[in-house]
Amino acid sequence: MPLCQFLKEQRQKSCLTQQEAADLLGDYKSQFISSVELGRRKPSIKLLKRMACVYDVCETEMFNRYVEEAEEQAVKKATDRWNHKEELEIPVFGLLALALQF
């Protein structure tokens, strides 16, 4: 489950509106909480720790969700780079040789 969805579920389990959560978390607006929950903004680690406290989530669980998302993003980025790099490294004469074989 994406971190943004997990955060939204935890806020809802805490019976808090986005405005109430924003007020309890400090200098945030409900629009920012909405953006985080939609995956448009990334929360800082400081904010994730505050959310763990406010939403009554074990800090270890919040950390594990954060790491899981970071790993998924790293794998996607590495895969994209790998595939793109592989395409760029095919020499032009190699493409011509392939074309001439048909």
PDB file of N, CA and C in Angstrom:
ATOM      1  N   MET A   1       0.847  -1.173   0.000  1.00  0.00           N
ATOM      2  CA  MET A   1       0.000   0.000   0.000  1.00  0.00           C
ATOM      3  C   MET A   1       0.895   1.240   0.000  1.00  0.00           C
ATOM      4  N   PRO A   2       0.594   2.193  -0.853  1.00  0.00           N
ATOM      5  CA  PRO A   2       1.394   3.425  -0.884  1.00  0.00           C
ATOM      6  C   PRO A   2       1.338   4.163   0.460  1.00  0.00           C
ATOM      7  N   LEU A   3       2.414   4.852   0.767  1.00  0.00           N
ATOM      8  CA  LEU A   3       2.493   5.604   2.023  1.00  0.00           C
ATOM      9  C   LEU A   3       1.346   6.607   2.140  1.00  0.00           C
ATOM     10  N   CYS A   4       1.022   7.276   1.049  1.00  0.00           N
ATOM     11  CA  CYS A   4      -0.037   8.294   1.097  1.00  0.00           C
ATOM     12  C   CYS A   4      -1.377   7.670   1.518  1.00  0.00           C
ATOM     13  N   GLN A   5      -1.674   6.500   1.005  1.00  0.00           N
ATOM     14  CA  GLN A   5      -2.913   5.807   1.361  1.00  0.00           C
ATOM     15  C   GLN A   5      -2.879   5.365   2.827  1.00  0.00           C
ATOM     16  N   PHE A   6      -1.731   4.860   3.267  1.00  0.00           N
ATOM     17  CA  PHE A   6      -1.572   4.463   4.664  1.00  0.00           C
ATOM     18  C   PHE A   6      -1.819   5.652   5.594  1.00  0.00           C
ATOM     19  N   LEU A   7      -1.257   6.808   5.241  1.00  0.00           N
ATOM     20  CA  LEU A   7      -1.431   8.004   6.072  1.00  0.00           C
ATOM     21  C   LEU A   7      -2.896   8.420   6.152  1.00  0.00           C
ATOM     22  N   LYS A   8      -3.580   8.365   5.020  1.00  0.00           N
ATOM     23  CA  LYS A   8      -4.999   8.724   5.012  1.00  0.00           C
ATOM     24  C   LYS A   8      -5.798   7.765   5.888  1.00  0.00           C
ATOM     25  N   GLU A   9      -5.534   6.471   5.750  1.00  0.00           N
ATOM     26  CA  GLU A   9      -6.246   5.479   6.563  1.00  0.00           C
ATOM     27  C   GLU A   9      -5.999   5.691   8.052  1.00  0.00           C
ATOM     28  N   GLN A  10      -4.769   5.992   8.411  1.00  0.00           N
ATOM     29  CA  GLN A  10      -4.443   6.198   9.825  1.00  0.00           C
ATOM     30  C   GLN A  10      -5.128   7.457  10.369  1.00  0.00           C
ATOM     31  N   ARG A  11      -5.181   8.501   9.559  1.00  0.00           N
ATOM     32  CA  ARG A  11      -5.886   9.722   9.994  1.00  0.00           C
ATOM     33  C   ARG A  11      -7.365   9.418  10.201  1.00  0.00           C
ATOM     34  N   GLN A  12      -7.948   8.684   9.258  1.00  0.00           N
ATOM     35  CA  GLN A  12      -9.368   8.351   9.370  1.00  0.00           C
ATOM     36  C   GLN A  12      -9.644   7.439  10.564  1.00  0.00           C
ATOM     37  N   LYS A  13      -8.743   6.488  10.828  1.00  0.00           N
ATOM     38  CA  LYS A  13      -8.892   5.617  12.006  1.00  0.00           C
ATOM     39  C   LYS A  13      -8.844   6.429  13.296  1.00  0.00           C
ATOM     40  N   SER A  14      -8.125   7.551  13.238  1.00  0.00           N
ATOM     41  CA  SER A  14      -8.027   8.433  14.401  1.00  0.00           C
ATOM     42  C   SER A  14      -9.230   9.365  14.510  1.00  0.00           C
ATOM     43  N   CYS A  15     -10.163   9.207  13.560  1.00  0.00           N
ATOM     44  CA  CYS A  15     -11.390  10.027  13.533  1.00  0.00           C
ATOM     45  C   CYS A  15     -11.081  11.520  13.442  1.00  0.00           C
ATOM     46  N   LEU A  16     -10.094  11.853  12.617  1.00  0.00           N
ATOM     47  CA  LEU A  16      -9.706  13.249  12.435  1.00  0.00           C
ATOM     48  C   LEU A  16     -10.015  13.694  11.009  1.00  0.00           C
ATOM     49  N   THR A  17     -10.490  14.924  10.886  1.00  0.00           N
ATOM     50  CA  THR A  17     -10.606  15.511   9.559  1.00  0.00           C
ATOM     51  C   THR A  17      -9.215  15.989   9.146  1.00  0.00           C
ATOM     52  N   GLN A  18      -9.060  16.341   7.895  1.00  0.00           N
ATOM     53  CA  GLN A  18      -7.766  16.871   7.454  1.00  0.00           C
ATOM     54  C   GLN A  18      -7.446  18.163   8.204  1.00  0.00           C
ATOM     55  N   GLN A  19      -8.448  18.977   8.467  1.00  0.00           N
ATOM     56  CA  GLN A  19      -8.223  20.236   9.194  1.00  0.00           C
ATOM     57  C   GLN A  19      -7.791  19.965  10.635  1.00  0.00           C
ATOM     58  N   GLU A  20      -8.445  19.018  11.283  1.00  0.00           N
ATOM     59  CA  GLU A  20      -8.082  18.680  12.658  1.00  0.00           C
ATOM     60  C   GLU A  20      -6.658  18.111  12.710  1.00  0.00           C
ATOM     61  N   ALA A  21      -6.331  17.265  11.745  1.00  0.00           N
ATOM     62  CA  ALA A  21      -4.978  16.708  11.692  1.00  0.00           C
ATOM     63  C   ALA A  21      -3.960  17.818  11.482  1.00  0.00           C
ATOM     64  N   ALA A  22      -4.253  18.722  10.565  1.00  0.00           N
ATOM     65  CA  ALA A  22      -3.340  19.833  10.287  1.00  0.00           C
ATOM     66  C   ALA A  22      -3.112  20.671  11.540  1.00  0.00           C
ATOM     67  N   ASP A  23      -4.175  20.937  12.275  1.00  0.00           N
ATOM     68  CA  ASP A  23      -4.069  21.727  13.505  1.00  0.00           C
ATOM     69  C   ASP A  23      -3.206  21.006  14.551  1.00  0.00           C
ATOM     70  N   LEU A  24      -3.402  19.705  14.693  1.00  0.00           N
ATOM     71  CA  LEU A  24      -2.646  18.934  15.679  1.00  0.00           C
ATOM     72  C   LEU A  24      -1.178  18.742  15.279  1.00  0.00           C
ATOM     73  N   LEU A  25      -0.925  18.736  13.973  1.00  0.00           N
ATOM     74  CA  LEU A  25       0.439  18.503  13.484  1.00  0.00           C
ATOM     75  C   LEU A  25       1.300  19.762  13.517  1.00  0.00           C
ATOM     76  N   GLY A  26       0.679  20.906  13.677  1.00  0.00           N
ATOM     77  CA  GLY A  26       1.470  22.139  13.766  1.00  0.00           C
ATOM     78  C   GLY A  26       1.165  23.108  12.646  1.00  0.00           C
ATOM     79  N   ASP A  27       2.196  23.619  12.036  1.00  0.00           N
ATOM     80  CA  ASP A  27       2.068  24.688  11.037  1.00  0.00           C
ATOM     81  C   ASP A  27       1.707  24.154   9.655  1.00  0.00           C
ATOM     82  N   TYR A  28       0.603  23.447   9.557  1.00  0.00           N
ATOM     83  CA  TYR A  28       0.168  22.887   8.278  1.00  0.00           C
ATOM     84  C   TYR A  28      -1.279  23.272   8.025  1.00  0.00           C
ATOM     85  N   LYS A  29      -1.631  23.284   6.754  1.00  0.00           N
ATOM     86  CA  LYS A  29      -3.013  23.550   6.354  1.00  0.00           C
ATOM     87  C   LYS A  29      -3.631  22.248   5.873  1.00  0.00           C
ATOM     88  N   SER A  30      -4.941  22.207   5.878  1.00  0.00           N
ATOM     89  CA  SER A  30      -5.636  20.987   5.437  1.00  0.00           C
ATOM     90  C   SER A  30      -5.301  20.671   3.984  1.00  0.00           C
ATOM     91  N   GLN A  31      -5.042  21.699   3.168  1.00  0.00           N
ATOM     92  CA  GLN A  31      -4.690  21.471   1.762  1.00  0.00           C
ATOM     93  C   GLN A  31      -3.371  20.704   1.649  1.00  0.00           C
ATOM     94  N   PHE A  32      -2.443  20.972   2.565  1.00  0.00           N
ATOM     95  CA  PHE A  32      -1.169  20.252   2.556  1.00  0.00           C
ATOM     96  C   PHE A  32      -1.396  18.786   2.920  1.00  0.00           C
ATOM     97  N   ILE A  33      -2.216  18.532   3.928  1.00  0.00           N
ATOM     98  CA  ILE A  33      -2.527  17.159   4.325  1.00  0.00           C
ATOM     99  C   ILE A  33      -3.185  16.430   3.155  1.00  0.00           C
ATOM    100  N   SER A  34      -4.088  17.112   2.476  1.00  0.00           N
ATOM    101  CA  SER A  34      -4.737  16.533   1.298  1.00  0.00           C
ATOM    102  C   SER A  34      -3.709  16.177   0.226  1.00  0.00           C
ATOM    103  N   SER A  35      -2.782  17.074  -0.034  1.00  0.00           N
ATOM    104  CA  SER A  35      -1.743  16.829  -1.046  1.00  0.00           C
ATOM    105  C   SER A  35      -0.863  15.642  -0.678  1.00  0.00           C
ATOM    106  N   VAL A  36      -0.557  15.501   0.608  1.00  0.00           N
ATOM    107  CA  VAL A  36       0.239  14.360   1.077  1.00  0.00           C
ATOM    108  C   VAL A  36      -0.553  13.075   0.873  1.00  0.00           C
ATOM    109  N   GLU A  37      -1.822  13.095   1.240  1.00  0.00           N
ATOM    110  CA  GLU A  37      -2.654  11.894   1.131  1.00  0.00           C
ATOM    111  C   GLU A  37      -2.948  11.501  -0.317  1.00  0.00           C
ATOM    112  N   LEU A  38      -2.861  12.451  -1.218  1.00  0.00           N
ATOM    113  CA  LEU A  38      -3.052  12.160  -2.647  1.00  0.00           C
ATOM    114  C   LEU A  38      -1.737  11.795  -3.333  1.00  0.00           C
ATOM    115  N   GLY A  39      -0.633  11.881  -2.593  1.00  0.00           N
ATOM    116  CA  GLY A  39       0.665  11.536  -3.154  1.00  0.00           C
ATOM    117  C   GLY A  39       1.299  12.650  -3.969  1.00  0.00           C
ATOM    118  N   ARG A  40       0.750  13.835  -3.883  1.00  0.00           N
ATOM    119  CA  ARG A  40       1.298  14.983  -4.633  1.00  0.00           C
ATOM    120  C   ARG A  40       2.463  15.648  -3.917  1.00  0.00           C
ATOM    121  N   ARG A  41       2.494  15.502  -2.599  1.00  0.00           N
ATOM    122  CA  ARG A  41       3.582  16.069  -1.781  1.00  0.00           C
ATOM    123  C   ARG A  41       4.160  14.952  -0.929  1.00  0.00           C
ATOM    124  N   LYS A  42       5.446  15.044  -0.665  1.00  0.00           N
ATOM    125  CA  LYS A  42       6.122  14.062   0.179  1.00  0.00           C
ATOM    126  C   LYS A  42       6.315  14.656   1.569  1.00  0.00           C
ATOM    127  N   PRO A  43       5.871  13.955   2.599  1.00  0.00           N
ATOM    128  CA  PRO A  43       6.063  14.469   3.958  1.00  0.00           C
ATOM    129  C   PRO A  43       7.512  14.303   4.394  1.00  0.00           C
ATOM    130  N   SER A  44       7.980  15.233   5.188  1.00  0.00           N
ATOM    131  CA  SER A  44       9.323  15.117   5.752  1.00  0.00           C
ATOM    132  C   SER A  44       9.319  14.019   6.817  1.00  0.00           C
ATOM    133  N   ILE A  45      10.490  13.583   7.187  1.00  0.00           N
ATOM    134  CA  ILE A  45      10.590  12.579   8.252  1.00  0.00           C
ATOM    135  C   ILE A  45      10.068  13.173   9.563  1.00  0.00           C
ATOM    136  N   LYS A  46      10.354  14.436   9.782  1.00  0.00           N
ATOM    137  CA  LYS A  46       9.851  15.111  10.980  1.00  0.00           C
ATOM    138  C   LYS A  46       8.316  15.053  11.025  1.00  0.00           C
ATOM    139  N   LEU A  47       7.684  15.310   9.884  1.00  0.00           N
ATOM    140  CA  LEU A  47       6.226  15.256   9.829  1.00  0.00           C
ATOM    141  C   LEU A  47       5.727  13.822  10.017  1.00  0.00           C
ATOM    142  N   LEU A  48       6.397  12.855   9.416  1.00  0.00           N
ATOM    143  CA  LEU A  48       5.985  11.455   9.589  1.00  0.00           C
ATOM    144  C   LEU A  48       6.040  11.045  11.060  1.00  0.00           C
ATOM    145  N   LYS A  49       7.044  11.519  11.770  1.00  0.00           N
ATOM    146  CA  LYS A  49       7.146  11.214  13.200  1.00  0.00           C
ATOM    147  C   LYS A  49       6.000  11.865  13.977  1.00  0.00           C
ATOM    148  N   ARG A  50       5.664  13.090  13.600  1.00  0.00           N
ATOM    149  CA  ARG A  50       4.527  13.761  14.244  1.00  0.00           C
ATOM    150  C   ARG A  50       3.233  13.016  13.947  1.00  0.00           C
ATOM    151  N   MET A  51       3.077  12.599  12.679  1.00  0.00           N
ATOM    152  CA  MET A  51       1.865  11.864  12.292  1.00  0.00           C
ATOM    153  C   MET A  51       1.755  10.559  13.077  1.00  0.00           C
ATOM    154  N   ALA A  52       2.870   9.878  13.271  1.00  0.00           N
ATOM    155  CA  ALA A  52       2.856   8.638  14.046  1.00  0.00           C
ATOM    156  C   ALA A  52       2.311   8.908  15.449  1.00  0.00           C
ATOM    157  N   CYS A  53       2.750   9.984  16.028  1.00  0.00           N
ATOM    158  CA  CYS A  53       2.301  10.343  17.376  1.00  0.00           C
ATOM    159  C   CYS A  53       0.818  10.724  17.376  1.00  0.00           C
ATOM    160  N   VAL A  54       0.430  11.628  16.488  1.00  0.00           N
ATOM    161  CA  VAL A  54      -0.951  12.127  16.442  1.00  0.00           C
ATOM    162  C   VAL A  54      -1.930  11.024  16.051  1.00  0.00           C
ATOM    163  N   TYR A  55      -1.541  10.167  15.107  1.00  0.00           N
ATOM    164  CA  TYR A  55      -2.427   9.103  14.631  1.00  0.00           C
ATOM    165  C   TYR A  55      -2.317   7.831  15.476  1.00  0.00           C
ATOM    166  N   ASP A  56      -1.489   7.870  16.503  1.00  0.00           N
ATOM    167  CA  ASP A  56      -1.274   6.738  17.400  1.00  0.00           C
ATOM    168  C   ASP A  56      -0.808   5.492  16.635  1.00  0.00           C
ATOM    169  N   VAL A  57       0.227   5.708  15.813  1.00  0.00           N
ATOM    170  CA  VAL A  57       0.845   4.632  15.044  1.00  0.00           C
ATOM    171  C   VAL A  57       2.241   4.414  15.614  1.00  0.00           C
ATOM    172  N   CYS A  58       2.609   3.177  15.791  1.00  0.00           N
ATOM    173  CA  CYS A  58       3.953   2.855  16.264  1.00  0.00           C
ATOM    174  C   CYS A  58       4.971   3.482  15.308  1.00  0.00           C
ATOM    175  N   GLU A  59       5.972   4.142  15.851  1.00  0.00           N
ATOM    176  CA  GLU A  59       6.977   4.800  15.013  1.00  0.00           C
ATOM    177  C   GLU A  59       7.707   3.794  14.121  1.00  0.00           C
ATOM    178  N   THR A  60       7.868   2.574  14.602  1.00  0.00           N
ATOM    179  CA  THR A  60       8.515   1.530  13.804  1.00  0.00           C
ATOM    180  C   THR A  60       7.675   1.197  12.572  1.00  0.00           C
ATOM    181  N   GLU A  61       6.363   1.133  12.751  1.00  0.00           N
ATOM    182  CA  GLU A  61       5.483   0.856  11.603  1.00  0.00           C
ATOM    183  C   GLU A  61       5.559   1.997  10.590  1.00  0.00           C
ATOM    184  N   MET A  62       5.561   3.225  11.067  1.00  0.00           N
ATOM    185  CA  MET A  62       5.654   4.381  10.163  1.00  0.00           C
ATOM    186  C   MET A  62       6.982   4.330   9.414  1.00  0.00           C
ATOM    187  N   PHE A  63       8.061   4.019  10.134  1.00  0.00           N
ATOM    188  CA  PHE A  63       9.377   3.909   9.512  1.00  0.00           C
ATOM    189  C   PHE A  63       9.368   2.828   8.434  1.00  0.00           C
ATOM    190  N   ASN A  64       8.796   1.659   8.760  1.00  0.00           N
ATOM    191  CA  ASN A  64       8.746   0.559   7.797  1.00  0.00           C
ATOM    192  C   ASN A  64       7.964   0.940   6.543  1.00  0.00           C
ATOM    193  N   ARG A  65       6.874   1.671   6.694  1.00  0.00           N
ATOM    194  CA  ARG A  65       6.086   2.131   5.534  1.00  0.00           C
ATOM    195  C   ARG A  65       6.907   3.112   4.702  1.00  0.00           C
ATOM    196  N   TYR A  66       7.633   3.987   5.377  1.00  0.00           N
ATOM    197  CA  TYR A  66       8.481   4.963   4.685  1.00  0.00           C
ATOM    198  C   TYR A  66       9.573   4.257   3.883  1.00  0.00           C
ATOM    199  N   VAL A  67      10.226   3.271   4.499  1.00  0.00           N
ATOM    200  CA  VAL A  67      11.302   2.523   3.832  1.00  0.00           C
ATOM    201  C   VAL A  67      10.745   1.723   2.660  1.00  0.00           C
ATOM    202  N   GLU A  68       9.594   1.100   2.851  1.00  0.00           N
ATOM    203  CA  GLU A  68       8.968   0.307   1.783  1.00  0.00           C
ATOM    204  C   GLU A  68       8.718   1.176   0.548  1.00  0.00           C
ATOM    205  N   GLU A  69       8.188   2.368   0.773  1.00  0.00           N
ATOM    206  CA  GLU A  69       7.925   3.276  -0.350  1.00  0.00           C
ATOM    207  C   GLU A  69       9.232   3.734  -1.001  1.00  0.00           C
ATOM    208  N   ALA A  70      10.230   4.034  -0.186  1.00  0.00           N
ATOM    209  CA  ALA A  70      11.523   4.476  -0.724  1.00  0.00           C
ATOM    210  C   ALA A  70      12.152   3.368  -1.567  1.00  0.00           C
ATOM    211  N   GLU A  71      12.050   2.119  -1.110  1.00  0.00           N
ATOM    212  CA  GLU A  71      12.593   0.988  -1.869  1.00  0.00           C
ATOM    213  C   GLU A  71      11.880   0.833  -3.208  1.00  0.00           C
ATOM    214  N   GLU A  72      10.557   0.929  -3.191  1.00  0.00           N
ATOM    215  CA  GLU A  72       9.784   0.805  -4.426  1.00  0.00           C
ATOM    216  C   GLU A  72      10.173   1.891  -5.419  1.00  0.00           C
ATOM    217  N   GLN A  73      10.330   3.107  -4.937  1.00  0.00           N
ATOM    218  CA  GLN A  73      10.718   4.217  -5.814  1.00  0.00           C
ATOM    219  C   GLN A  73      12.126   4.019  -6.352  1.00  0.00           C
ATOM    220  N   ALA A  74      13.035   3.513  -5.519  1.00  0.00           N
ATOM    221  CA  ALA A  74      14.413   3.286  -5.960  1.00  0.00           C
ATOM    222  C   ALA A  74      14.471   2.205  -7.030  1.00  0.00           C
ATOM    223  N   VAL A  75      13.706   1.144  -6.848  1.00  0.00           N
ATOM    224  CA  VAL A  75      13.684   0.065  -7.847  1.00  0.00           C
ATOM    225  C   VAL A  75      13.120   0.581  -9.164  1.00  0.00           C
ATOM    226  N   LYS A  76      12.049   1.356  -9.094  1.00  0.00           N
ATOM    227  CA  LYS A  76      11.452   1.903 -10.322  1.00  0.00           C
ATOM    228  C   LYS A  76      12.435   2.823 -11.032  1.00  0.00           C
ATOM    229  N   LYS A  77      13.079   3.688 -10.281  1.00  0.00           N
ATOM    230  CA  LYS A  77      14.040   4.624 -10.871  1.00  0.00           C
ATOM    231  C   LYS A  77      15.217   3.871 -11.489  1.00  0.00           C
ATOM    232  N   ALA A  78      15.735   2.877 -10.787  1.00  0.00           N
ATOM    233  CA  ALA A  78      16.858   2.094 -11.304  1.00  0.00           C
ATOM    234  C   ALA A  78      16.454   1.327 -12.559  1.00  0.00           C
ATOM    235  N   THR A  79      15.257   0.767 -12.550  1.00  0.00           N
ATOM    236  CA  THR A  79      14.765   0.030 -13.723  1.00  0.00           C
ATOM    237  C   THR A  79      14.613   0.961 -14.914  1.00  0.00           C
ATOM    238  N   ASP A  80      14.030   2.122 -14.687  1.00  0.00           N
ATOM    239  CA  ASP A  80      13.873   3.103 -15.767  1.00  0.00           C
ATOM    240  C   ASP A  80      15.232   3.516 -16.333  1.00  0.00           C
ATOM    241  N   ARG A  81      16.167   3.791 -15.451  1.00  0.00           N
ATOM    242  CA  ARG A  81      17.506   4.190 -15.902  1.00  0.00           C
ATOM    243  C   ARG A  81      18.189   3.053 -16.658  1.00  0.00           C
ATOM    244  N   TRP A  82      18.071   1.847 -16.130  1.00  0.00           N
ATOM    245  CA  TRP A  82      18.705   0.681 -16.758  1.00  0.00           C
ATOM    246  C   TRP A  82      18.168   0.489 -18.173  1.00  0.00           C
ATOM    247  N   ASN A  83      16.860   0.513 -18.303  1.00  0.00           N
ATOM    248  CA  ASN A  83      16.243   0.301 -19.609  1.00  0.00           C
ATOM    249  C   ASN A  83      16.570   1.420 -20.576  1.00  0.00           C
ATOM    250  N   HIS A  84      16.589   2.624 -20.097  1.00  0.00           N
ATOM    251  CA  HIS A  84      16.911   3.774 -20.955  1.00  0.00           C
ATOM    252  C   HIS A  84      18.373   3.722 -21.377  1.00  0.00           C
ATOM    253  N   LYS A  85      19.259   3.421 -20.446  1.00  0.00           N
ATOM    254  CA  LYS A  85      20.692   3.352 -20.746  1.00  0.00           C
ATOM    255  C   LYS A  85      20.974   2.251 -21.760  1.00  0.00           C
ATOM    256  N   GLU A  86      20.319   1.124 -21.569  1.00  0.00           N
ATOM    257  CA  GLU A  86      20.532  -0.004 -22.462  1.00  0.00           C
ATOM    258  C   GLU A  86      20.163   0.382 -23.900  1.00  0.00           C
ATOM    259  N   GLU A  87      19.089   1.124 -24.045  1.00  0.00           N
ATOM    260  CA  GLU A  87      18.667   1.558 -25.380  1.00  0.00           C
ATOM    261  C   GLU A  87      19.678   2.514 -25.996  1.00  0.00           C
ATOM    262  N   LEU A  88      20.245   3.380 -25.179  1.00  0.00           N
ATOM    263  CA  LEU A  88      21.176   4.383 -25.693  1.00  0.00           C
ATOM    264  C   LEU A  88      22.524   3.793 -26.094  1.00  0.00           C
ATOM    265  N   GLU A  89      22.894   2.669 -25.522  1.00  0.00           N
ATOM    266  CA  GLU A  89      24.223   2.108 -25.760  1.00  0.00           C
ATOM    267  C   GLU A  89      24.306   1.209 -26.993  1.00  0.00           C
ATOM    268  N   ILE A  90      23.196   0.993 -27.687  1.00  0.00           N
ATOM    269  CA  ILE A  90      23.252   0.191 -28.909  1.00  0.00           C
ATOM    270  C   ILE A  90      23.881   1.059 -29.997  1.00  0.00           C
ATOM    271  N   PRO A  91      25.031   0.655 -30.515  1.00  0.00           N
ATOM    272  CA  PRO A  91      25.676   1.471 -31.543  1.00  0.00           C
ATOM    273  C   PRO A  91      24.852   1.482 -32.825  1.00  0.00           C
ATOM    274  N   VAL A  92      24.975   2.568 -33.549  1.00  0.00           N
ATOM    275  CA  VAL A  92      24.222   2.725 -34.787  1.00  0.00           C
ATOM    276  C   VAL A  92      24.565   1.610 -35.763  1.00  0.00           C
ATOM    277  N   PHE A  93      25.832   1.274 -35.881  1.00  0.00           N
ATOM    278  CA  PHE A  93      26.210   0.210 -36.819  1.00  0.00           C
ATOM    279  C   PHE A  93      25.614  -1.124 -36.398  1.00  0.00           C
ATOM    280  N   GLY A  94      25.374  -1.292 -35.103  1.00  0.00           N
ATOM    281  CA  GLY A  94      24.729  -2.507 -34.617  1.00  0.00           C
ATOM    282  C   GLY A  94      23.292  -2.590 -35.107  1.00  0.00           C
ATOM    283  N   LEU A  95      22.606  -1.456 -35.135  1.00  0.00           N
ATOM    284  CA  LEU A  95      21.244  -1.420 -35.658  1.00  0.00           C
ATOM    285  C   LEU A  95      21.229  -1.722 -37.144  1.00  0.00           C
ATOM    286  N   LEU A  96      22.232  -1.186 -37.890  1.00  0.00           N
ATOM    287  CA  LEU A  96      22.311  -1.446 -39.323  1.00  0.00           C
ATOM    288  C   LEU A  96      22.575  -2.927 -39.591  1.00  0.00           C
ATOM    289  N   ALA A  97      23.431  -3.523 -38.801  1.00  0.00           N
ATOM    290  CA  ALA A  97      23.730  -4.943 -38.945  1.00  0.00           C
ATOM    291  C   ALA A  97      22.484  -5.780 -38.689  1.00  0.00           C
ATOM    292  N   LEU A  98      21.718  -5.399 -37.692  1.00  0.00           N
ATOM    293  CA  LEU A  98      20.483  -6.108 -37.401  1.00  0.00           C
ATOM    294  C   LEU A  98      19.487  -5.975 -38.548  1.00  0.00           C
ATOM    295  N   ALA A  99      19.406  -4.780 -39.095  1.00  0.00           N
ATOM    296  CA  ALA A  99      18.470  -4.517 -40.197  1.00  0.00           C
ATOM    297  C   ALA A  99      18.866  -5.317 -41.440  1.00  0.00           C
ATOM    298  N   LEU A 100      20.163  -5.435 -41.694  1.00  0.00           N
ATOM    299  CA  LEU A 100      20.639  -6.145 -42.886  1.00  0.00           C
ATOM    300  C   LEU A 100      20.428  -7.639 -42.773  1.00  0.00           C
ATOM    301  N   GLN A 101      20.258  -8.156 -41.586  1.00  0.00           N
ATOM    302  CA  GLN A 101      20.055  -9.605 -41.401  1.00  0.00           C
ATOM    303  C   GLN A 101      18.664 -10.040 -41.866  1.00  0.00           C
ATOM    304  N   PHE A 102      17.754  -9.115 -41.941  1.00  0.00           N
ATOM    305  CA  PHE A 102      16.375  -9.491 -42.322  1.00  0.00           C
ATOM    306  C   PHE A 102      16.196  -9.462 -43.776  1.00  0.00           C
TER     307      PHE A 102
END
